[in-house]
N, C-alpha and C. Protein backbone atom coordinates (compact mmCIF):
# COMPACT_ATOMS: atom_id res chain seq x y z
N MET A 1 -18.17 48.68 -14.00
CA MET A 1 -17.29 49.25 -14.99
C MET A 1 -17.06 48.23 -16.09
N GLY A 2 -17.02 48.66 -17.33
CA GLY A 2 -16.81 47.77 -18.46
C GLY A 2 -15.36 47.39 -18.66
N SER A 3 -15.07 46.87 -19.83
CA SER A 3 -13.70 46.49 -20.17
C SER A 3 -12.83 47.72 -20.37
N TYR A 4 -11.53 47.59 -20.05
CA TYR A 4 -10.59 48.69 -20.28
C TYR A 4 -9.17 48.16 -20.35
N VAL A 5 -8.29 48.96 -20.94
CA VAL A 5 -6.84 48.76 -20.94
C VAL A 5 -6.25 50.12 -20.66
N LYS A 6 -5.41 50.21 -19.63
CA LYS A 6 -4.78 51.50 -19.31
C LYS A 6 -3.43 51.25 -18.67
N THR A 7 -2.54 52.20 -18.83
CA THR A 7 -1.24 52.10 -18.19
C THR A 7 -1.29 52.76 -16.83
N ALA A 8 -0.36 52.39 -15.98
CA ALA A 8 -0.33 52.94 -14.64
C ALA A 8 0.19 54.38 -14.64
N ALA A 9 0.85 54.81 -15.72
CA ALA A 9 1.35 56.18 -15.86
C ALA A 9 1.27 56.57 -17.34
N SER A 10 1.28 57.85 -17.61
CA SER A 10 1.23 58.29 -19.02
C SER A 10 2.63 58.46 -19.60
N VAL A 11 3.63 58.66 -18.74
CA VAL A 11 5.03 58.78 -19.17
C VAL A 11 5.88 57.93 -18.25
N TYR A 12 6.77 57.14 -18.82
CA TYR A 12 7.67 56.29 -18.05
C TYR A 12 9.11 56.71 -18.30
N PRO A 13 9.94 56.76 -17.26
CA PRO A 13 11.37 57.05 -17.45
C PRO A 13 12.03 55.88 -18.21
N LEU A 14 13.13 56.17 -18.88
CA LEU A 14 13.87 55.11 -19.56
C LEU A 14 14.27 54.03 -18.57
N ALA A 15 14.37 52.80 -19.03
CA ALA A 15 14.78 51.64 -18.24
C ALA A 15 13.79 51.30 -17.13
N THR A 16 12.52 51.66 -17.31
CA THR A 16 11.47 51.36 -16.34
C THR A 16 10.45 50.42 -16.97
N SER A 17 10.06 49.39 -16.26
CA SER A 17 9.02 48.48 -16.76
C SER A 17 7.70 49.23 -16.92
N ILE A 18 6.88 48.78 -17.87
CA ILE A 18 5.59 49.39 -18.15
C ILE A 18 4.51 48.51 -17.53
N LEU A 19 3.64 49.10 -16.74
CA LEU A 19 2.54 48.36 -16.11
C LEU A 19 1.25 48.67 -16.85
N VAL A 20 0.59 47.63 -17.34
CA VAL A 20 -0.68 47.78 -18.06
C VAL A 20 -1.77 47.08 -17.26
N ASN A 21 -2.77 47.84 -16.84
CA ASN A 21 -3.93 47.30 -16.12
C ASN A 21 -5.03 47.02 -17.13
N TYR A 22 -5.75 45.93 -16.93
CA TYR A 22 -6.85 45.63 -17.85
C TYR A 22 -7.99 44.94 -17.12
N LYS A 23 -9.16 45.05 -17.71
CA LYS A 23 -10.34 44.30 -17.30
C LYS A 23 -11.07 43.94 -18.58
N ASP A 24 -11.42 42.68 -18.73
CA ASP A 24 -12.04 42.18 -19.96
C ASP A 24 -13.31 41.42 -19.60
N GLN A 25 -14.47 42.07 -19.78
CA GLN A 25 -15.73 41.41 -19.43
C GLN A 25 -16.00 40.18 -20.30
N GLY A 26 -15.51 40.16 -21.51
CA GLY A 26 -15.71 39.01 -22.40
C GLY A 26 -14.47 38.14 -22.46
N PHE A 27 -13.77 37.95 -21.33
CA PHE A 27 -12.49 37.25 -21.28
C PHE A 27 -12.55 35.87 -21.92
N LEU A 28 -11.54 35.59 -22.74
CA LEU A 28 -11.31 34.27 -23.31
C LEU A 28 -9.88 33.86 -22.99
N SER A 29 -9.61 32.59 -22.88
CA SER A 29 -8.26 32.13 -22.52
C SER A 29 -7.22 32.45 -23.60
N THR A 30 -7.67 32.88 -24.77
CA THR A 30 -6.75 33.23 -25.87
C THR A 30 -6.48 34.73 -25.95
N ASP A 31 -7.03 35.54 -25.05
CA ASP A 31 -6.83 36.99 -25.07
C ASP A 31 -5.38 37.34 -24.77
N ARG A 32 -4.90 38.41 -25.43
CA ARG A 32 -3.53 38.87 -25.21
C ARG A 32 -3.48 40.38 -25.08
N LEU A 33 -2.42 40.86 -24.47
CA LEU A 33 -2.13 42.30 -24.37
C LEU A 33 -0.81 42.53 -25.09
N ALA A 34 -0.74 43.61 -25.85
CA ALA A 34 0.48 43.91 -26.60
C ALA A 34 0.79 45.40 -26.55
N ILE A 35 2.05 45.71 -26.73
CA ILE A 35 2.49 47.10 -26.86
C ILE A 35 3.06 47.27 -28.26
N TYR A 36 2.61 48.34 -28.92
CA TYR A 36 3.05 48.65 -30.28
C TYR A 36 3.70 50.02 -30.31
N LYS A 37 4.77 50.15 -31.09
CA LYS A 37 5.37 51.45 -31.31
C LYS A 37 4.45 52.25 -32.22
N LYS A 38 4.38 53.56 -32.00
CA LYS A 38 3.52 54.42 -32.81
C LYS A 38 3.78 54.16 -34.29
N GLY A 39 2.71 53.97 -35.06
CA GLY A 39 2.81 53.69 -36.48
C GLY A 39 2.64 52.22 -36.82
N GLN A 40 2.83 51.32 -35.84
CA GLN A 40 2.58 49.91 -36.06
C GLN A 40 1.08 49.67 -35.99
N ILE A 41 0.62 48.65 -36.66
CA ILE A 41 -0.81 48.34 -36.71
C ILE A 41 -1.16 47.34 -35.59
N PRO A 42 -1.98 47.76 -34.60
CA PRO A 42 -2.39 46.81 -33.57
C PRO A 42 -3.05 45.57 -34.19
N GLY A 43 -2.71 44.43 -33.65
CA GLY A 43 -3.23 43.17 -34.18
C GLY A 43 -2.25 42.51 -35.12
N SER A 44 -1.24 43.25 -35.58
CA SER A 44 -0.24 42.67 -36.47
C SER A 44 0.78 41.89 -35.64
N ILE A 45 1.63 41.15 -36.30
CA ILE A 45 2.64 40.37 -35.59
C ILE A 45 3.85 41.21 -35.21
N ASP A 46 3.82 42.50 -35.53
CA ASP A 46 4.95 43.38 -35.27
C ASP A 46 4.93 44.01 -33.88
N ALA A 47 4.19 43.47 -32.97
CA ALA A 47 4.12 44.05 -31.62
C ALA A 47 5.50 44.06 -30.99
N THR A 48 5.76 45.09 -30.22
CA THR A 48 7.02 45.20 -29.50
C THR A 48 7.13 44.11 -28.44
N GLU A 49 6.02 43.84 -27.76
CA GLU A 49 5.98 42.80 -26.73
C GLU A 49 4.54 42.34 -26.55
N ILE A 50 4.34 41.03 -26.39
CA ILE A 50 2.99 40.46 -26.24
C ILE A 50 2.97 39.57 -24.98
N HIS A 51 1.88 39.66 -24.22
CA HIS A 51 1.66 38.79 -23.06
C HIS A 51 0.25 38.21 -23.14
N ASN A 52 0.10 36.97 -22.71
CA ASN A 52 -1.23 36.38 -22.62
C ASN A 52 -1.94 36.93 -21.39
N ALA A 53 -3.23 37.20 -21.52
CA ALA A 53 -4.06 37.59 -20.38
C ALA A 53 -4.43 36.30 -19.66
N LEU A 54 -4.08 36.21 -18.39
CA LEU A 54 -4.29 34.97 -17.66
C LEU A 54 -5.62 34.89 -16.93
N LYS A 55 -6.28 36.04 -16.78
CA LYS A 55 -7.60 36.06 -16.14
C LYS A 55 -8.35 37.29 -16.61
N ASP A 56 -9.55 37.50 -16.12
CA ASP A 56 -10.40 38.59 -16.64
C ASP A 56 -9.95 39.99 -16.26
N SER A 57 -9.12 40.13 -15.22
CA SER A 57 -8.57 41.44 -14.89
C SER A 57 -7.27 41.26 -14.13
N SER A 58 -6.32 42.13 -14.41
CA SER A 58 -5.02 42.01 -13.78
C SER A 58 -4.13 43.17 -14.21
N THR A 59 -2.88 43.12 -13.80
CA THR A 59 -1.85 44.04 -14.25
C THR A 59 -0.75 43.20 -14.89
N VAL A 60 -0.33 43.60 -16.09
CA VAL A 60 0.73 42.90 -16.80
C VAL A 60 1.94 43.82 -16.85
N GLU A 61 3.12 43.26 -16.58
CA GLU A 61 4.35 44.04 -16.62
C GLU A 61 5.10 43.78 -17.92
N PHE A 62 5.33 44.84 -18.67
CA PHE A 62 6.11 44.77 -19.89
C PHE A 62 7.51 45.29 -19.58
N GLY A 63 8.51 44.79 -20.29
CA GLY A 63 9.88 45.23 -20.08
C GLY A 63 10.07 46.69 -20.46
N ALA A 64 11.20 47.25 -20.04
CA ALA A 64 11.54 48.63 -20.39
C ALA A 64 11.64 48.76 -21.91
N LEU A 65 11.18 49.88 -22.44
CA LEU A 65 11.18 50.11 -23.89
C LEU A 65 12.13 51.24 -24.27
N PRO A 66 12.65 51.21 -25.49
CA PRO A 66 13.45 52.34 -25.96
C PRO A 66 12.58 53.60 -26.01
N LEU A 67 13.22 54.75 -26.02
CA LEU A 67 12.52 56.02 -26.10
C LEU A 67 11.59 56.03 -27.30
N GLY A 68 10.35 56.48 -27.11
CA GLY A 68 9.39 56.54 -28.20
C GLY A 68 7.97 56.64 -27.69
N ASP A 69 7.03 56.68 -28.65
CA ASP A 69 5.60 56.70 -28.35
C ASP A 69 5.05 55.31 -28.61
N TYR A 70 4.26 54.80 -27.68
CA TYR A 70 3.72 53.44 -27.76
C TYR A 70 2.24 53.45 -27.43
N THR A 71 1.56 52.38 -27.82
CA THR A 71 0.17 52.17 -27.45
C THR A 71 0.01 50.73 -27.00
N ALA A 72 -0.90 50.49 -26.06
CA ALA A 72 -1.15 49.14 -25.55
C ALA A 72 -2.48 48.66 -26.05
């Protein structure tokens, strides 16, 4: 299987942490995962929350988010 980023669920209840699973075949120690509110530009500094990818595949836990639509 190639590289991917996916959440553990498509809808999360309020006050629930967000789990993002990833696999990065071209992993670099500078890779990061971020969550953006709908309308924000991925790659910009306006990410809601950013975490460094510590290895080529794992699950990253993001804090609970306010109600809204987001992308990872």
